[in-house]
Amino acid sequence: MKKSSVITILVIFILPIALYFFFKVPSESNISVAYDGANKPKVLQFSSAMCYDCKRLEKEITLLRQEYSSKIIFRKYNASTRTSQVNELISKYNINVVPTLIFLDKNGNFVRKTEGYVTQSQLRSYLNQLIQ
């Protein structure tokens, strides 16, 4: 095999593959839930746009999010979109119903799971327990 043939093969086939893996942006499934604010507890909210209780719960969480934003990270996931990250989280936390809230401590450990509508007073109690 000629030297030029080897170089051609490297440039055409191997170099693009090597560059792909070198510059690859992490996929959604590789992004940790705790990618920011690692020292803060997290609340993962799974909902759907067509869900009445999800809309009611969103109002409660919006009010509390402002109050707890410096202490807790809130993440909202649309369970209807079914991206790879959402699928991974749904599987990991065995989510069968929306709305569902997953409470994680500052180390990312599971603390509590709620399914269905939760009142503002219940949410406040859960959030206060989470930050203690």
N, C-alpha and C. Protein backbone atom coordinates (compact mmCIF):
# COMPACT_ATOMS: atom_id res chain seq x y z
N MET A 1 0.84 -1.17 0.00
CA MET A 1 0.00 0.00 0.00
C MET A 1 0.90 1.24 0.00
N LYS A 2 0.57 2.19 -0.80
CA LYS A 2 1.36 3.41 -0.92
C LYS A 2 1.13 4.32 0.28
N LYS A 3 2.10 5.14 0.56
CA LYS A 3 2.03 6.08 1.65
C LYS A 3 0.87 7.06 1.46
N SER A 4 0.66 7.48 0.23
CA SER A 4 -0.43 8.41 -0.06
C SER A 4 -1.80 7.76 0.17
N SER A 5 -1.92 6.47 -0.08
CA SER A 5 -3.17 5.75 0.16
C SER A 5 -3.48 5.69 1.65
N VAL A 6 -2.47 5.45 2.44
CA VAL A 6 -2.65 5.40 3.90
C VAL A 6 -3.09 6.76 4.42
N ILE A 7 -2.45 7.80 3.95
CA ILE A 7 -2.81 9.16 4.38
C ILE A 7 -4.22 9.50 3.96
N THR A 8 -4.61 9.11 2.76
CA THR A 8 -5.96 9.35 2.27
C THR A 8 -6.98 8.64 3.16
N ILE A 9 -6.71 7.39 3.50
CA ILE A 9 -7.63 6.63 4.37
C ILE A 9 -7.74 7.30 5.73
N LEU A 10 -6.61 7.72 6.27
CA LEU A 10 -6.63 8.40 7.56
C LEU A 10 -7.45 9.68 7.52
N VAL A 11 -7.23 10.47 6.49
CA VAL A 11 -7.92 11.76 6.39
C VAL A 11 -9.42 11.58 6.14
N ILE A 12 -9.77 10.65 5.29
CA ILE A 12 -11.17 10.49 4.90
C ILE A 12 -11.99 9.73 5.96
N PHE A 13 -11.41 8.71 6.56
CA PHE A 13 -12.20 7.85 7.44
C PHE A 13 -11.89 8.01 8.93
N ILE A 14 -10.67 8.00 9.29
CA ILE A 14 -10.33 7.96 10.70
C ILE A 14 -10.33 9.35 11.34
N LEU A 15 -9.81 10.34 10.66
CA LEU A 15 -9.76 11.68 11.22
C LEU A 15 -11.14 12.23 11.59
N PRO A 16 -12.15 12.12 10.72
CA PRO A 16 -13.47 12.63 11.12
C PRO A 16 -14.04 11.93 12.36
N ILE A 17 -13.80 10.63 12.47
CA ILE A 17 -14.30 9.89 13.65
C ILE A 17 -13.57 10.37 14.90
N ALA A 18 -12.26 10.53 14.79
CA ALA A 18 -11.49 11.00 15.94
C ALA A 18 -11.92 12.40 16.35
N LEU A 19 -12.14 13.27 15.39
CA LEU A 19 -12.59 14.63 15.69
C LEU A 19 -13.98 14.64 16.32
N TYR A 20 -14.84 13.77 15.85
CA TYR A 20 -16.19 13.68 16.42
C TYR A 20 -16.13 13.38 17.91
N PHE A 21 -15.36 12.37 18.28
CA PHE A 21 -15.28 12.00 19.69
C PHE A 21 -14.51 13.03 20.52
N PHE A 22 -13.57 13.71 19.92
CA PHE A 22 -12.81 14.72 20.63
C PHE A 22 -13.65 15.95 20.94
N PHE A 23 -14.45 16.39 19.98
CA PHE A 23 -15.24 17.61 20.15
C PHE A 23 -16.70 17.34 20.49
N LYS A 24 -17.03 16.12 20.77
CA LYS A 24 -18.43 15.74 21.03
C LYS A 24 -18.98 16.49 22.24
N VAL A 25 -20.15 17.09 22.05
CA VAL A 25 -20.85 17.76 23.13
C VAL A 25 -21.57 16.69 23.92
N PRO A 26 -21.55 16.76 25.24
CA PRO A 26 -22.23 15.73 26.02
C PRO A 26 -23.70 15.62 25.64
N SER A 27 -24.19 14.42 25.52
CA SER A 27 -25.60 14.23 25.19
C SER A 27 -26.43 14.51 26.43
N GLU A 28 -27.73 14.64 26.25
CA GLU A 28 -28.60 14.90 27.39
C GLU A 28 -28.48 13.83 28.45
N SER A 29 -28.33 12.57 28.04
CA SER A 29 -28.26 11.49 29.01
C SER A 29 -26.98 11.53 29.82
N ASN A 30 -25.95 12.21 29.32
CA ASN A 30 -24.69 12.32 30.05
C ASN A 30 -24.67 13.51 30.99
N ILE A 31 -25.65 14.36 30.90
CA ILE A 31 -25.69 15.54 31.74
C ILE A 31 -26.35 15.16 33.05
N SER A 32 -25.66 15.37 34.13
CA SER A 32 -26.16 15.03 35.45
C SER A 32 -27.27 15.98 35.84
N VAL A 33 -28.20 15.49 36.65
CA VAL A 33 -29.25 16.33 37.19
C VAL A 33 -28.62 17.40 38.08
N ALA A 34 -27.49 17.08 38.67
CA ALA A 34 -26.83 17.98 39.61
C ALA A 34 -25.72 18.77 38.95
N TYR A 35 -25.89 19.15 37.69
CA TYR A 35 -24.81 19.81 36.98
C TYR A 35 -24.50 21.21 37.49
N ASP A 36 -25.43 21.82 38.16
CA ASP A 36 -25.12 23.12 38.76
C ASP A 36 -25.65 23.14 40.18
N GLY A 37 -25.08 24.01 40.98
CA GLY A 37 -25.52 24.11 42.37
C GLY A 37 -25.39 22.80 43.10
N ALA A 38 -24.27 22.15 42.95
CA ALA A 38 -24.09 20.82 43.52
C ALA A 38 -24.28 20.80 45.03
N ASN A 39 -24.15 21.95 45.68
CA ASN A 39 -24.31 21.99 47.13
C ASN A 39 -25.71 22.39 47.55
N LYS A 40 -26.64 22.33 46.62
CA LYS A 40 -28.02 22.70 46.93
C LYS A 40 -28.94 21.50 46.70
N PRO A 41 -29.99 21.39 47.51
CA PRO A 41 -31.01 20.37 47.23
C PRO A 41 -31.72 20.70 45.92
N LYS A 42 -32.38 19.70 45.34
CA LYS A 42 -33.07 19.88 44.07
C LYS A 42 -34.49 19.35 44.14
N VAL A 43 -35.36 19.99 43.40
CA VAL A 43 -36.73 19.51 43.22
C VAL A 43 -36.93 19.33 41.73
N LEU A 44 -37.22 18.09 41.33
CA LEU A 44 -37.47 17.78 39.93
C LEU A 44 -38.98 17.67 39.75
N GLN A 45 -39.50 18.46 38.85
CA GLN A 45 -40.94 18.50 38.61
C GLN A 45 -41.23 17.87 37.25
N PHE A 46 -42.05 16.84 37.24
CA PHE A 46 -42.46 16.17 36.00
C PHE A 46 -43.92 16.49 35.77
N SER A 47 -44.20 17.07 34.61
CA SER A 47 -45.56 17.49 34.31
C SER A 47 -45.84 17.35 32.83
N SER A 48 -47.07 17.71 32.47
CA SER A 48 -47.49 17.67 31.07
C SER A 48 -48.36 18.90 30.82
N ALA A 49 -48.30 19.42 29.62
CA ALA A 49 -49.05 20.63 29.29
C ALA A 49 -50.56 20.41 29.33
N MET A 50 -51.00 19.18 29.11
CA MET A 50 -52.44 18.90 29.06
C MET A 50 -53.02 18.49 30.41
N CYS A 51 -52.23 18.52 31.45
CA CYS A 51 -52.63 18.02 32.76
C CYS A 51 -53.14 19.17 33.64
N TYR A 52 -54.37 19.05 34.10
CA TYR A 52 -54.98 20.10 34.94
C TYR A 52 -54.25 20.23 36.27
N ASP A 53 -53.99 19.10 36.95
CA ASP A 53 -53.28 19.16 38.23
C ASP A 53 -51.86 19.68 38.08
N CYS A 54 -51.24 19.44 36.93
CA CYS A 54 -49.89 19.98 36.67
C CYS A 54 -49.93 21.49 36.64
N LYS A 55 -50.96 22.05 36.04
CA LYS A 55 -51.10 23.51 35.96
C LYS A 55 -51.34 24.10 37.34
N ARG A 56 -52.16 23.43 38.13
CA ARG A 56 -52.42 23.89 39.50
C ARG A 56 -51.14 23.84 40.33
N LEU A 57 -50.42 22.75 40.22
CA LEU A 57 -49.18 22.59 40.98
C LEU A 57 -48.13 23.61 40.53
N GLU A 58 -48.11 23.91 39.26
CA GLU A 58 -47.14 24.89 38.72
C GLU A 58 -47.34 26.25 39.38
N LYS A 59 -48.58 26.63 39.63
CA LYS A 59 -48.85 27.91 40.29
C LYS A 59 -48.26 27.92 41.70
N GLU A 60 -48.43 26.82 42.42
CA GLU A 60 -47.90 26.72 43.79
C GLU A 60 -46.38 26.76 43.78
N ILE A 61 -45.79 26.03 42.87
CA ILE A 61 -44.32 25.96 42.80
C ILE A 61 -43.74 27.31 42.38
N THR A 62 -44.40 28.01 41.48
CA THR A 62 -43.93 29.32 41.04
C THR A 62 -43.83 30.28 42.22
N LEU A 63 -44.82 30.27 43.09
CA LEU A 63 -44.79 31.14 44.27
C LEU A 63 -43.64 30.76 45.19
N LEU A 64 -43.45 29.47 45.41
CA LEU A 64 -42.40 29.01 46.32
C LEU A 64 -41.01 29.10 45.71
N ARG A 65 -40.93 28.98 44.40
CA ARG A 65 -39.63 29.05 43.72
C ARG A 65 -38.94 30.38 44.01
N GLN A 66 -39.70 31.46 44.01
CA GLN A 66 -39.13 32.77 44.29
C GLN A 66 -38.57 32.82 45.71
N GLU A 67 -39.30 32.25 46.64
CA GLU A 67 -38.91 32.28 48.05
C GLU A 67 -37.68 31.40 48.33
N TYR A 68 -37.59 30.25 47.67
CA TYR A 68 -36.54 29.27 47.95
C TYR A 68 -35.44 29.24 46.90
N SER A 69 -35.44 30.15 45.96
CA SER A 69 -34.49 30.08 44.84
C SER A 69 -33.03 30.12 45.26
N SER A 70 -32.73 30.76 46.38
CA SER A 70 -31.33 30.82 46.83
C SER A 70 -30.90 29.55 47.57
N LYS A 71 -31.86 28.71 47.94
CA LYS A 71 -31.55 27.53 48.74
C LYS A 71 -31.77 26.21 48.01
N ILE A 72 -32.65 26.22 47.01
CA ILE A 72 -33.05 24.99 46.32
C ILE A 72 -33.06 25.23 44.82
N ILE A 73 -32.63 24.23 44.07
CA ILE A 73 -32.69 24.29 42.60
C ILE A 73 -33.96 23.58 42.15
N PHE A 74 -34.74 24.26 41.33
CA PHE A 74 -35.97 23.68 40.79
C PHE A 74 -35.74 23.36 39.31
N ARG A 75 -36.09 22.16 38.90
CA ARG A 75 -35.99 21.74 37.51
C ARG A 75 -37.35 21.19 37.08
N LYS A 76 -37.80 21.65 35.93
CA LYS A 76 -39.09 21.20 35.40
C LYS A 76 -38.85 20.38 34.14
N TYR A 77 -39.50 19.23 34.05
CA TYR A 77 -39.38 18.35 32.89
C TYR A 77 -40.77 18.06 32.34
N ASN A 78 -40.91 18.19 31.03
CA ASN A 78 -42.16 17.86 30.37
C ASN A 78 -42.14 16.36 30.07
N ALA A 79 -42.95 15.61 30.78
CA ALA A 79 -42.97 14.15 30.63
C ALA A 79 -43.48 13.73 29.26
N SER A 80 -44.12 14.62 28.55
CA SER A 80 -44.64 14.29 27.22
C SER A 80 -43.57 14.33 26.14
N THR A 81 -42.48 15.06 26.35
CA THR A 81 -41.48 15.21 25.31
C THR A 81 -40.66 13.95 25.11
N ARG A 82 -40.40 13.23 26.19
CA ARG A 82 -39.70 11.94 26.15
C ARG A 82 -38.33 12.04 25.47
N THR A 83 -37.57 13.06 25.80
CA THR A 83 -36.18 13.12 25.35
C THR A 83 -35.40 12.05 26.10
N SER A 84 -34.17 11.83 25.71
CA SER A 84 -33.38 10.79 26.36
C SER A 84 -33.18 11.10 27.85
N GLN A 85 -32.98 12.38 28.18
CA GLN A 85 -32.80 12.74 29.59
C GLN A 85 -34.09 12.50 30.37
N VAL A 86 -35.22 12.90 29.81
CA VAL A 86 -36.50 12.70 30.49
C VAL A 86 -36.78 11.21 30.65
N ASN A 87 -36.56 10.44 29.62
CA ASN A 87 -36.76 8.99 29.72
C ASN A 87 -35.89 8.38 30.80
N GLU A 88 -34.64 8.82 30.87
CA GLU A 88 -33.72 8.29 31.87
C GLU A 88 -34.21 8.61 33.29
N LEU A 89 -34.66 9.84 33.49
CA LEU A 89 -35.15 10.24 34.81
C LEU A 89 -36.46 9.54 35.16
N ILE A 90 -37.35 9.40 34.19
CA ILE A 90 -38.62 8.71 34.43
C ILE A 90 -38.37 7.26 34.84
N SER A 91 -37.43 6.64 34.18
CA SER A 91 -37.08 5.27 34.52
C SER A 91 -36.40 5.19 35.89
N LYS A 92 -35.47 6.08 36.13
CA LYS A 92 -34.71 6.06 37.38
C LYS A 92 -35.61 6.24 38.60
N TYR A 93 -36.58 7.15 38.51
CA TYR A 93 -37.44 7.45 39.65
C TYR A 93 -38.82 6.80 39.55
N ASN A 94 -38.99 5.90 38.59
CA ASN A 94 -40.23 5.13 38.43
C ASN A 94 -41.46 6.06 38.43
N ILE A 95 -41.47 6.98 37.49
CA ILE A 95 -42.56 7.96 37.40
C ILE A 95 -43.64 7.42 36.48
N ASN A 96 -44.83 7.27 37.03
CA ASN A 96 -45.97 6.75 36.28
C ASN A 96 -47.11 7.74 36.17
N VAL A 97 -47.04 8.81 36.96
CA VAL A 97 -48.14 9.77 37.06
C VAL A 97 -47.56 11.17 36.97
N VAL A 98 -48.31 12.08 36.34
CA VAL A 98 -47.96 13.49 36.41
C VAL A 98 -49.10 14.21 37.09
N PRO A 99 -48.84 15.20 37.88
CA PRO A 99 -47.54 15.71 38.25
C PRO A 99 -46.84 14.82 39.28
N THR A 100 -45.54 14.78 39.19
CA THR A 100 -44.70 14.10 40.17
C THR A 100 -43.56 15.03 40.53
N LEU A 101 -43.26 15.09 41.81
CA LEU A 101 -42.12 15.86 42.30
C LEU A 101 -41.13 14.89 42.94
N ILE A 102 -39.86 15.07 42.60
CA ILE A 102 -38.79 14.29 43.20
C ILE A 102 -37.93 15.26 43.99
N PHE A 103 -37.71 14.97 45.25
CA PHE A 103 -36.89 15.81 46.12
C PHE A 103 -35.56 15.11 46.34
N LEU A 104 -34.47 15.83 46.05
CA LEU A 104 -33.13 15.30 46.20
C LEU A 104 -32.35 16.18 47.17
N ASP A 105 -31.56 15.56 48.04
CA ASP A 105 -30.75 16.35 48.97
C ASP A 105 -29.57 16.99 48.24
N LYS A 106 -28.74 17.71 48.96
CA LYS A 106 -27.65 18.45 48.32
C LYS A 106 -26.62 17.54 47.68
N ASN A 107 -26.61 16.26 48.03
CA ASN A 107 -25.69 15.30 47.42
C ASN A 107 -26.33 14.55 46.26
N GLY A 108 -27.58 14.89 45.93
CA GLY A 108 -28.28 14.23 44.84
C GLY A 108 -28.97 12.94 45.24
N ASN A 109 -29.04 12.67 46.54
CA ASN A 109 -29.70 11.46 47.03
C ASN A 109 -31.21 11.66 47.12
N PHE A 110 -31.94 10.64 46.76
CA PHE A 110 -33.40 10.66 46.79
C PHE A 110 -33.88 10.86 48.23
N VAL A 111 -34.83 11.79 48.41
CA VAL A 111 -35.41 12.05 49.73
C VAL A 111 -36.89 11.71 49.75
N ARG A 112 -37.62 12.18 48.73
CA ARG A 112 -39.08 12.03 48.74
C ARG A 112 -39.62 12.09 47.32
N LYS A 113 -40.77 11.47 47.14
CA LYS A 113 -41.48 11.51 45.86
C LYS A 113 -42.95 11.79 46.15
N THR A 114 -43.51 12.77 45.44
CA THR A 114 -44.95 13.02 45.56
C THR A 114 -45.58 12.82 44.19
N GLU A 115 -46.78 12.28 44.20
CA GLU A 115 -47.52 12.09 42.95
C GLU A 115 -48.85 12.79 43.08
N GLY A 116 -49.24 13.50 42.04
CA GLY A 116 -50.49 14.24 42.06
C GLY A 116 -50.30 15.62 42.65
N TYR A 117 -51.42 16.31 42.80
CA TYR A 117 -51.39 17.68 43.30
C TYR A 117 -50.96 17.72 44.76
N VAL A 118 -50.14 18.69 45.11
CA VAL A 118 -49.68 18.91 46.48
C VAL A 118 -49.96 20.37 46.82
N THR A 119 -50.54 20.60 47.99
CA THR A 119 -50.88 21.97 48.37
C THR A 119 -49.62 22.77 48.68
N GLN A 120 -49.78 24.08 48.71
CA GLN A 120 -48.65 24.96 48.98
C GLN A 120 -48.10 24.71 50.39
N SER A 121 -48.97 24.48 51.36
CA SER A 121 -48.49 24.24 52.73
C SER A 121 -47.70 22.92 52.81
N GLN A 122 -48.16 21.88 52.11
CA GLN A 122 -47.41 20.63 52.08
C GLN A 122 -46.06 20.84 51.40
N LEU A 123 -46.05 21.56 50.28
CA LEU A 123 -44.80 21.84 49.58
C LEU A 123 -43.83 22.61 50.47
N ARG A 124 -44.33 23.60 51.14
CA ARG A 124 -43.49 24.41 52.02
C ARG A 124 -42.87 23.52 53.11
N SER A 125 -43.65 22.64 53.66
CA SER A 125 -43.15 21.72 54.68
C SER A 125 -42.05 20.82 54.11
N TYR A 126 -42.28 20.25 52.92
CA TYR A 126 -41.28 19.38 52.29
C TYR A 126 -39.99 20.16 51.97
N LEU A 127 -40.14 21.39 51.50
CA LEU A 127 -38.97 22.20 51.16
C LEU A 127 -38.18 22.57 52.40
N ASN A 128 -38.88 22.90 53.49
CA ASN A 128 -38.19 23.21 54.73
C ASN A 128 -37.44 22.00 55.28
N GLN A 129 -38.02 20.83 55.17
CA GLN A 129 -37.33 19.60 55.58
C GLN A 129 -36.11 19.35 54.71
N LEU A 130 -36.22 19.68 53.45
CA LEU A 130 -35.13 19.44 52.50
C LEU A 130 -33.91 20.31 52.79
N ILE A 131 -34.12 21.53 53.22
CA ILE A 131 -32.99 22.43 53.45
C ILE A 131 -32.39 22.31 54.86
N GLN A 132 -33.01 21.53 55.72
CA GLN A 132 -32.45 21.35 57.07
C GLN A 132 -31.38 20.31 57.10
